[in-house]
Each structure stands twice: as C-alpha cells, then as structure tokens.
Amino acid sequence: YGEAVLELHQDAIHAGERVLVIDDVLATG
C-alpha cells in the first residue's frame, strides 16, 4: 500500500559479523 523506511544504528553491527534476522511473519519478503 505504499512505501516505508527502516533504520539501523550505523555502529550496531561490525564488518564481518554474522547476523540472524528474526521477524514474526514472512509475507512478501
């Protein structure tokens, strides 16, 4: 229905760190 914007602190993840992304529902991706 439109557009949204997400943000993440620039210093929250360092180069090379391995990350698991979690959400409640995967819909359109």
PDB file of all heavy atoms in Angstrom:
ATOM      1  N   TYR A   1       0.803  -1.224   0.000  1.00  0.00           N
ATOM      2  CA  TYR A   1       0.000   0.000   0.000  1.00  0.00           C
ATOM      3  C   TYR A   1       0.836   1.274   0.000  1.00  0.00           C
ATOM      4  O   TYR A   1       0.323   2.349   0.275  1.00  0.00           O
ATOM      5  CB  TYR A   1      -0.909  -0.001   1.233  1.00  0.00           C
ATOM      6  CG  TYR A   1      -0.158  -0.308   2.512  1.00  0.00           C
ATOM      7  CD1 TYR A   1       0.505   0.688   3.213  1.00  0.00           C
ATOM      8  CD2 TYR A   1      -0.077  -1.613   2.982  1.00  0.00           C
ATOM      9  CE1 TYR A   1       1.221   0.399   4.354  1.00  0.00           C
ATOM     10  CE2 TYR A   1       0.633  -1.909   4.139  1.00  0.00           C
ATOM     11  CZ  TYR A   1       1.267  -0.895   4.818  1.00  0.00           C
ATOM     12  OH  TYR A   1       1.982  -1.200   5.948  1.00  0.00           O
ATOM     13  N   GLY A   2       2.123   1.180  -0.280  1.00  0.00           N
ATOM     14  CA  GLY A   2       2.945   2.385  -0.269  1.00  0.00           C
ATOM     15  C   GLY A   2       4.402   2.066  -0.035  1.00  0.00           C
ATOM     16  O   GLY A   2       4.913   1.062  -0.494  1.00  0.00           O
ATOM     17  N   GLU A   3       5.061   2.950   0.693  1.00  0.00           N
ATOM     18  CA  GLU A   3       6.487   2.809   0.969  1.00  0.00           C
ATOM     19  C   GLU A   3       6.731   3.011   2.457  1.00  0.00           C
ATOM     20  O   GLU A   3       6.002   3.739   3.120  1.00  0.00           O
ATOM     21  CB  GLU A   3       7.270   3.841   0.159  1.00  0.00           C
ATOM     22  CG  GLU A   3       8.763   3.665   0.222  1.00  0.00           C
ATOM     23  CD  GLU A   3       9.510   4.640  -0.682  1.00  0.00           C
ATOM     24  OE1 GLU A   3       9.705   4.317  -1.861  1.00  0.00           O
ATOM     25  OE2 GLU A   3       9.885   5.720  -0.176  1.00  0.00           O
ATOM     26  N   ALA A   4       7.760   2.363   2.975  1.00  0.00           N
ATOM     27  CA  ALA A   4       8.161   2.522   4.371  1.00  0.00           C
ATOM     28  C   ALA A   4       9.678   2.660   4.419  1.00  0.00           C
ATOM     29  O   ALA A   4      10.377   2.364   3.451  1.00  0.00           O
ATOM     30  CB  ALA A   4       7.702   1.336   5.208  1.00  0.00           C
ATOM     31  N   VAL A   5      10.178   3.124   5.559  1.00  0.00           N
ATOM     32  CA  VAL A   5      11.615   3.285   5.761  1.00  0.00           C
ATOM     33  C   VAL A   5      11.990   2.598   7.064  1.00  0.00           C
ATOM     34  O   VAL A   5      11.331   2.780   8.091  1.00  0.00           O
ATOM     35  CB  VAL A   5      12.013   4.782   5.820  1.00  0.00           C
ATOM     36  CG1 VAL A   5      13.501   4.936   6.111  1.00  0.00           C
ATOM     37  CG2 VAL A   5      11.642   5.487   4.520  1.00  0.00           C
ATOM     38  N   LEU A   6      13.052   1.790   7.012  1.00  0.00           N
ATOM     39  CA  LEU A   6      13.613   1.165   8.205  1.00  0.00           C
ATOM     40  C   LEU A   6      14.995   1.734   8.466  1.00  0.00           C
ATOM     41  O   LEU A   6      15.687   2.163   7.530  1.00  0.00           O
ATOM     42  CB  LEU A   6      13.715  -0.352   8.034  1.00  0.00           C
ATOM     43  CG  LEU A   6      12.417  -1.142   8.005  1.00  0.00           C
ATOM     44  CD1 LEU A   6      12.705  -2.620   7.784  1.00  0.00           C
ATOM     45  CD2 LEU A   6      11.617  -0.935   9.269  1.00  0.00           C
ATOM     46  N   GLU A   7      15.403   1.700   9.750  1.00  0.00           N
ATOM     47  CA  GLU A   7      16.713   2.206  10.142  1.00  0.00           C
ATOM     48  C   GLU A   7      17.416   1.235  11.073  1.00  0.00           C
ATOM     49  O   GLU A   7      16.771   0.457  11.789  1.00  0.00           O
ATOM     50  CB  GLU A   7      16.582   3.552  10.864  1.00  0.00           C
ATOM     51  CG  GLU A   7      16.059   4.671  10.004  1.00  0.00           C
ATOM     52  CD  GLU A   7      16.014   6.003  10.744  1.00  0.00           C
ATOM     53  OE1 GLU A   7      15.857   6.026  11.978  1.00  0.00           O
ATOM     54  OE2 GLU A   7      16.139   7.032  10.066  1.00  0.00           O
ATOM     55  N   LEU A   8      18.736   1.339  11.069  1.00  0.00           N
ATOM     56  CA  LEU A   8      19.610   0.550  11.931  1.00  0.00           C
ATOM     57  C   LEU A   8      20.766   1.455  12.334  1.00  0.00           C
ATOM     58  O   LEU A   8      21.302   2.193  11.485  1.00  0.00           O
ATOM     59  CB  LEU A   8      20.126  -0.666  11.148  1.00  0.00           C
ATOM     60  CG  LEU A   8      21.176  -1.561  11.779  1.00  0.00           C
ATOM     61  CD1 LEU A   8      20.561  -2.386  12.909  1.00  0.00           C
ATOM     62  CD2 LEU A   8      21.752  -2.494  10.732  1.00  0.00           C
ATOM     63  N   HIS A   9      21.141   1.444  13.608  1.00  0.00           N
ATOM     64  CA  HIS A   9      22.305   2.235  14.024  1.00  0.00           C
ATOM     65  C   HIS A   9      23.527   1.819  13.218  1.00  0.00           C
ATOM     66  O   HIS A   9      23.791   0.624  13.047  1.00  0.00           O
ATOM     67  CB  HIS A   9      22.606   2.040  15.518  1.00  0.00           C
ATOM     68  CG  HIS A   9      21.795   2.922  16.399  1.00  0.00           C
ATOM     69  ND1 HIS A   9      21.134   2.459  17.496  1.00  0.00           N
ATOM     70  CD2 HIS A   9      21.550   4.265  16.352  1.00  0.00           C
ATOM     71  CE1 HIS A   9      20.508   3.461  18.097  1.00  0.00           C
ATOM     72  NE2 HIS A   9      20.745   4.563  17.416  1.00  0.00           N
ATOM     73  N   GLN A  10      24.293   2.805  12.764  1.00  0.00           N
ATOM     74  CA  GLN A  10      25.469   2.527  11.934  1.00  0.00           C
ATOM     75  C   GLN A  10      26.522   1.700  12.666  1.00  0.00           C
ATOM     76  O   GLN A  10      27.261   0.947  12.039  1.00  0.00           O
ATOM     77  CB  GLN A  10      26.092   3.843  11.455  1.00  0.00           C
ATOM     78  CG  GLN A  10      25.246   4.566  10.449  1.00  0.00           C
ATOM     79  CD  GLN A  10      25.867   5.872   9.989  1.00  0.00           C
ATOM     80  OE1 GLN A  10      26.997   6.217  10.334  1.00  0.00           O
ATOM     81  NE2 GLN A  10      25.117   6.624   9.201  1.00  0.00           N
ATOM     82  N   ASP A  11      26.586   1.840  13.996  1.00  0.00           N
ATOM     83  CA  ASP A  11      27.611   1.124  14.758  1.00  0.00           C
ATOM     84  C   ASP A  11      27.085  -0.151  15.437  1.00  0.00           C
ATOM     85  O   ASP A  11      27.772  -0.753  16.252  1.00  0.00           O
ATOM     86  CB  ASP A  11      28.232   2.044  15.810  1.00  0.00           C
ATOM     87  CG  ASP A  11      27.220   2.563  16.825  1.00  0.00           C
ATOM     88  OD1 ASP A  11      26.003   2.284  16.699  1.00  0.00           O
ATOM     89  OD2 ASP A  11      27.649   3.280  17.757  1.00  0.00           O
ATOM     90  N   ALA A  12      25.892  -0.589  15.074  1.00  0.00           N
ATOM     91  CA  ALA A  12      25.279  -1.742  15.746  1.00  0.00           C
ATOM     92  C   ALA A  12      25.881  -3.076  15.316  1.00  0.00           C
ATOM     93  O   ALA A  12      25.902  -4.034  16.084  1.00  0.00           O
ATOM     94  CB  ALA A  12      23.771  -1.758  15.492  1.00  0.00           C
ATOM     95  N   ILE A  13      26.366  -3.122  14.089  1.00  0.00           N
ATOM     96  CA  ILE A  13      26.942  -4.346  13.533  1.00  0.00           C
ATOM     97  C   ILE A  13      28.281  -3.976  12.927  1.00  0.00           C
ATOM     98  O   ILE A  13      28.393  -2.981  12.199  1.00  0.00           O
ATOM     99  CB  ILE A  13      26.004  -4.957  12.479  1.00  0.00           C
ATOM    100  CG1 ILE A  13      24.687  -5.379  13.152  1.00  0.00           C
ATOM    101  CG2 ILE A  13      26.658  -6.141  11.775  1.00  0.00           C
ATOM    102  CD1 ILE A  13      23.584  -5.733  12.204  1.00  0.00           C
ATOM    103  N   HIS A  14      29.294  -4.783  13.220  1.00  0.00           N
ATOM    104  CA  HIS A  14      30.636  -4.513  12.704  1.00  0.00           C
ATOM    105  C   HIS A  14      30.935  -5.383  11.493  1.00  0.00           C
ATOM    106  O   HIS A  14      30.340  -6.457  11.328  1.00  0.00           O
ATOM    107  CB  HIS A  14      31.670  -4.752  13.818  1.00  0.00           C
ATOM    108  CG  HIS A  14      31.432  -3.869  15.002  1.00  0.00           C
ATOM    109  ND1 HIS A  14      30.942  -4.342  16.185  1.00  0.00           N
ATOM    110  CD2 HIS A  14      31.576  -2.526  15.152  1.00  0.00           C
ATOM    111  CE1 HIS A  14      30.803  -3.342  17.041  1.00  0.00           C
ATOM    112  NE2 HIS A  14      31.178  -2.231  16.440  1.00  0.00           N
ATOM    113  N   ALA A  15      31.863  -4.911  10.680  1.00  0.00           N
ATOM    114  CA  ALA A  15      32.233  -5.617   9.456  1.00  0.00           C
ATOM    115  C   ALA A  15      32.574  -7.073   9.764  1.00  0.00           C
ATOM    116  O   ALA A  15      33.310  -7.365  10.712  1.00  0.00           O
ATOM    117  CB  ALA A  15      33.428  -4.931   8.796  1.00  0.00           C
ATOM    118  N   GLY A  16      31.988  -7.959   8.992  1.00  0.00           N
ATOM    119  CA  GLY A  16      32.262  -9.388   9.118  1.00  0.00           C
ATOM    120  C   GLY A  16      31.405 -10.119  10.134  1.00  0.00           C
ATOM    121  O   GLY A  16      31.428 -11.360  10.179  1.00  0.00           O
ATOM    122  N   GLU A  17      30.665  -9.399  10.969  1.00  0.00           N
ATOM    123  CA  GLU A  17      29.828 -10.099  11.943  1.00  0.00           C
ATOM    124  C   GLU A  17      28.716 -10.863  11.239  1.00  0.00           C
ATOM    125  O   GLU A  17      28.106 -10.373  10.288  1.00  0.00           O
ATOM    126  CB  GLU A  17      29.229  -9.123  12.960  1.00  0.00           C
ATOM    127  CG  GLU A  17      30.239  -8.647  13.973  1.00  0.00           C
ATOM    128  CD  GLU A  17      29.612  -7.829  15.087  1.00  0.00           C
ATOM    129  OE1 GLU A  17      28.785  -6.939  14.796  1.00  0.00           O
ATOM    130  OE2 GLU A  17      29.986  -8.064  16.254  1.00  0.00           O
ATOM    131  N   ARG A  18      28.470 -12.081  11.745  1.00  0.00           N
ATOM    132  CA  ARG A  18      27.412 -12.935  11.210  1.00  0.00           C
ATOM    133  C   ARG A  18      26.119 -12.626  11.967  1.00  0.00           C
ATOM    134  O   ARG A  18      26.118 -12.564  13.190  1.00  0.00           O
ATOM    135  CB  ARG A  18      27.796 -14.400  11.365  1.00  0.00           C
ATOM    136  CG  ARG A  18      29.049 -14.738  10.535  1.00  0.00           C
ATOM    137  CD  ARG A  18      29.504 -16.179  10.694  1.00  0.00           C
ATOM    138  NE  ARG A  18      28.520 -17.066  10.089  1.00  0.00           N
ATOM    139  CZ  ARG A  18      27.734 -17.914  10.776  1.00  0.00           C
ATOM    140  NH1 ARG A  18      27.816 -18.000  12.083  1.00  0.00           N
ATOM    141  NH2 ARG A  18      26.873 -18.690  10.146  1.00  0.00           N
ATOM    142  N   VAL A  19      25.029 -12.463  11.218  1.00  0.00           N
ATOM    143  CA  VAL A  19      23.779 -11.977  11.776  1.00  0.00           C
ATOM    144  C   VAL A  19      22.626 -12.916  11.418  1.00  0.00           C
ATOM    145  O   VAL A  19      22.523 -13.383  10.284  1.00  0.00           O
ATOM    146  CB  VAL A  19      23.476 -10.561  11.227  1.00  0.00           C
ATOM    147  CG1 VAL A  19      22.133 -10.056  11.696  1.00  0.00           C
ATOM    148  CG2 VAL A  19      24.593  -9.588  11.627  1.00  0.00           C
ATOM    149  N   LEU A  20      21.764 -13.158  12.402  1.00  0.00           N
ATOM    150  CA  LEU A  20      20.495 -13.851  12.184  1.00  0.00           C
ATOM    151  C   LEU A  20      19.394 -12.804  12.244  1.00  0.00           C
ATOM    152  O   LEU A  20      19.294 -12.055  13.212  1.00  0.00           O
ATOM    153  CB  LEU A  20      20.263 -14.911  13.265  1.00  0.00           C
ATOM    154  CG  LEU A  20      18.918 -15.642  13.229  1.00  0.00           C
ATOM    155  CD1 LEU A  20      18.770 -16.466  11.951  1.00  0.00           C
ATOM    156  CD2 LEU A  20      18.778 -16.532  14.465  1.00  0.00           C
ATOM    157  N   VAL A  21      18.564 -12.727  11.206  1.00  0.00           N
ATOM    158  CA  VAL A  21      17.455 -11.785  11.159  1.00  0.00           C
ATOM    159  C   VAL A  21      16.185 -12.525  11.583  1.00  0.00           C
ATOM    160  O   VAL A  21      15.874 -13.589  11.051  1.00  0.00           O
ATOM    161  CB  VAL A  21      17.278 -11.189   9.743  1.00  0.00           C
ATOM    162  CG1 VAL A  21      16.042 -10.297   9.684  1.00  0.00           C
ATOM    163  CG2 VAL A  21      18.519 -10.412   9.334  1.00  0.00           C
ATOM    164  N   ILE A  22      15.467 -11.932  12.546  1.00  0.00           N
ATOM    165  CA  ILE A  22      14.248 -12.536  13.095  1.00  0.00           C
ATOM    166  C   ILE A  22      13.057 -11.613  12.867  1.00  0.00           C
ATOM    167  O   ILE A  22      13.138 -10.403  13.106  1.00  0.00           O
ATOM    168  CB  ILE A  22      14.382 -12.752  14.627  1.00  0.00           C
ATOM    169  CG1 ILE A  22      15.560 -13.646  14.974  1.00  0.00           C
ATOM    170  CG2 ILE A  22      13.073 -13.256  15.226  1.00  0.00           C
ATOM    171  CD1 ILE A  22      15.301 -15.105  14.914  1.00  0.00           C
ATOM    172  N   ASP A  23      11.943 -12.206  12.448  1.00  0.00           N
ATOM    173  CA  ASP A  23      10.682 -11.475  12.406  1.00  0.00           C
ATOM    174  C   ASP A  23       9.560 -12.455  12.720  1.00  0.00           C
ATOM    175  O   ASP A  23       9.776 -13.668  12.753  1.00  0.00           O
ATOM    176  CB  ASP A  23      10.468 -10.816  11.041  1.00  0.00           C
ATOM    177  CG  ASP A  23       9.561  -9.588  11.109  1.00  0.00           C
ATOM    178  OD1 ASP A  23       9.080  -9.244  12.212  1.00  0.00           O
ATOM    179  OD2 ASP A  23       9.340  -8.960  10.055  1.00  0.00           O
ATOM    180  N   ASP A  24       8.388 -11.924  12.968  1.00  0.00           N
ATOM    181  CA  ASP A  24       7.257 -12.793  13.286  1.00  0.00           C
ATOM    182  C   ASP A  24       6.693 -13.450  12.035  1.00  0.00           C
ATOM    183  O   ASP A  24       6.414 -14.643  12.034  1.00  0.00           O
ATOM    184  CB  ASP A  24       6.169 -12.033  14.055  1.00  0.00           C
ATOM    185  CG  ASP A  24       5.569 -10.884  13.278  1.00  0.00           C
ATOM    186  OD1 ASP A  24       6.281 -10.256  12.466  1.00  0.00           O
ATOM    187  OD2 ASP A  24       4.376 -10.605  13.478  1.00  0.00           O
ATOM    188  N   VAL A  25       6.543 -12.672  10.950  1.00  0.00           N
ATOM    189  CA  VAL A  25       5.910 -13.184   9.736  1.00  0.00           C
ATOM    190  C   VAL A  25       6.745 -12.822   8.512  1.00  0.00           C
ATOM    191  O   VAL A  25       7.200 -11.682   8.374  1.00  0.00           O
ATOM    192  CB  VAL A  25       4.491 -12.601   9.567  1.00  0.00           C
ATOM    193  CG1 VAL A  25       3.863 -13.048   8.253  1.00  0.00           C
ATOM    194  CG2 VAL A  25       3.599 -12.997  10.735  1.00  0.00           C
ATOM    195  N   LEU A  26       6.923 -13.789   7.623  1.00  0.00           N
ATOM    196  CA  LEU A  26       7.476 -13.529   6.301  1.00  0.00           C
ATOM    197  C   LEU A  26       6.295 -13.545   5.335  1.00  0.00           C
ATOM    198  O   LEU A  26       5.626 -14.567   5.184  1.00  0.00           O
ATOM    199  CB  LEU A  26       8.496 -14.600   5.902  1.00  0.00           C
ATOM    200  CG  LEU A  26       9.054 -14.490   4.481  1.00  0.00           C
ATOM    201  CD1 LEU A  26       9.845 -13.196   4.309  1.00  0.00           C
ATOM    202  CD2 LEU A  26       9.914 -15.695   4.151  1.00  0.00           C
ATOM    203  N   ALA A  27       6.026 -12.386   4.728  1.00  0.00           N
ATOM    204  CA  ALA A  27       4.919 -12.278   3.778  1.00  0.00           C
ATOM    205  C   ALA A  27       5.523 -12.124   2.380  1.00  0.00           C
ATOM    206  O   ALA A  27       5.955 -13.102   1.790  1.00  0.00           O
ATOM    207  CB  ALA A  27       4.000 -11.125   4.160  1.00  0.00           C
ATOM    208  N   THR A  28       5.617 -10.898   1.885  1.00  0.00           N
ATOM    209  CA  THR A  28       6.174 -10.669   0.551  1.00  0.00           C
ATOM    210  C   THR A  28       7.702 -10.630   0.547  1.00  0.00           C
ATOM    211  O   THR A  28       8.317 -10.661  -0.511  1.00  0.00           O
ATOM    212  CB  THR A  28       5.644  -9.354  -0.043  1.00  0.00           C
ATOM    213  OG1 THR A  28       6.078  -8.280   0.789  1.00  0.00           O
ATOM    214  CG2 THR A  28       4.131  -9.374  -0.153  1.00  0.00           C
ATOM    215  N   GLY A  29       8.309 -10.534   1.723  1.00  0.00           N
ATOM    216  CA  GLY A  29       9.765 -10.516   1.836  1.00  0.00           C
ATOM    217  C   GLY A  29      10.391  -9.139   1.826  1.00  0.00           C
ATOM    218  O   GLY A  29      11.588  -8.998   2.065  1.00  0.00           O
TER     219      GLY A  29
END
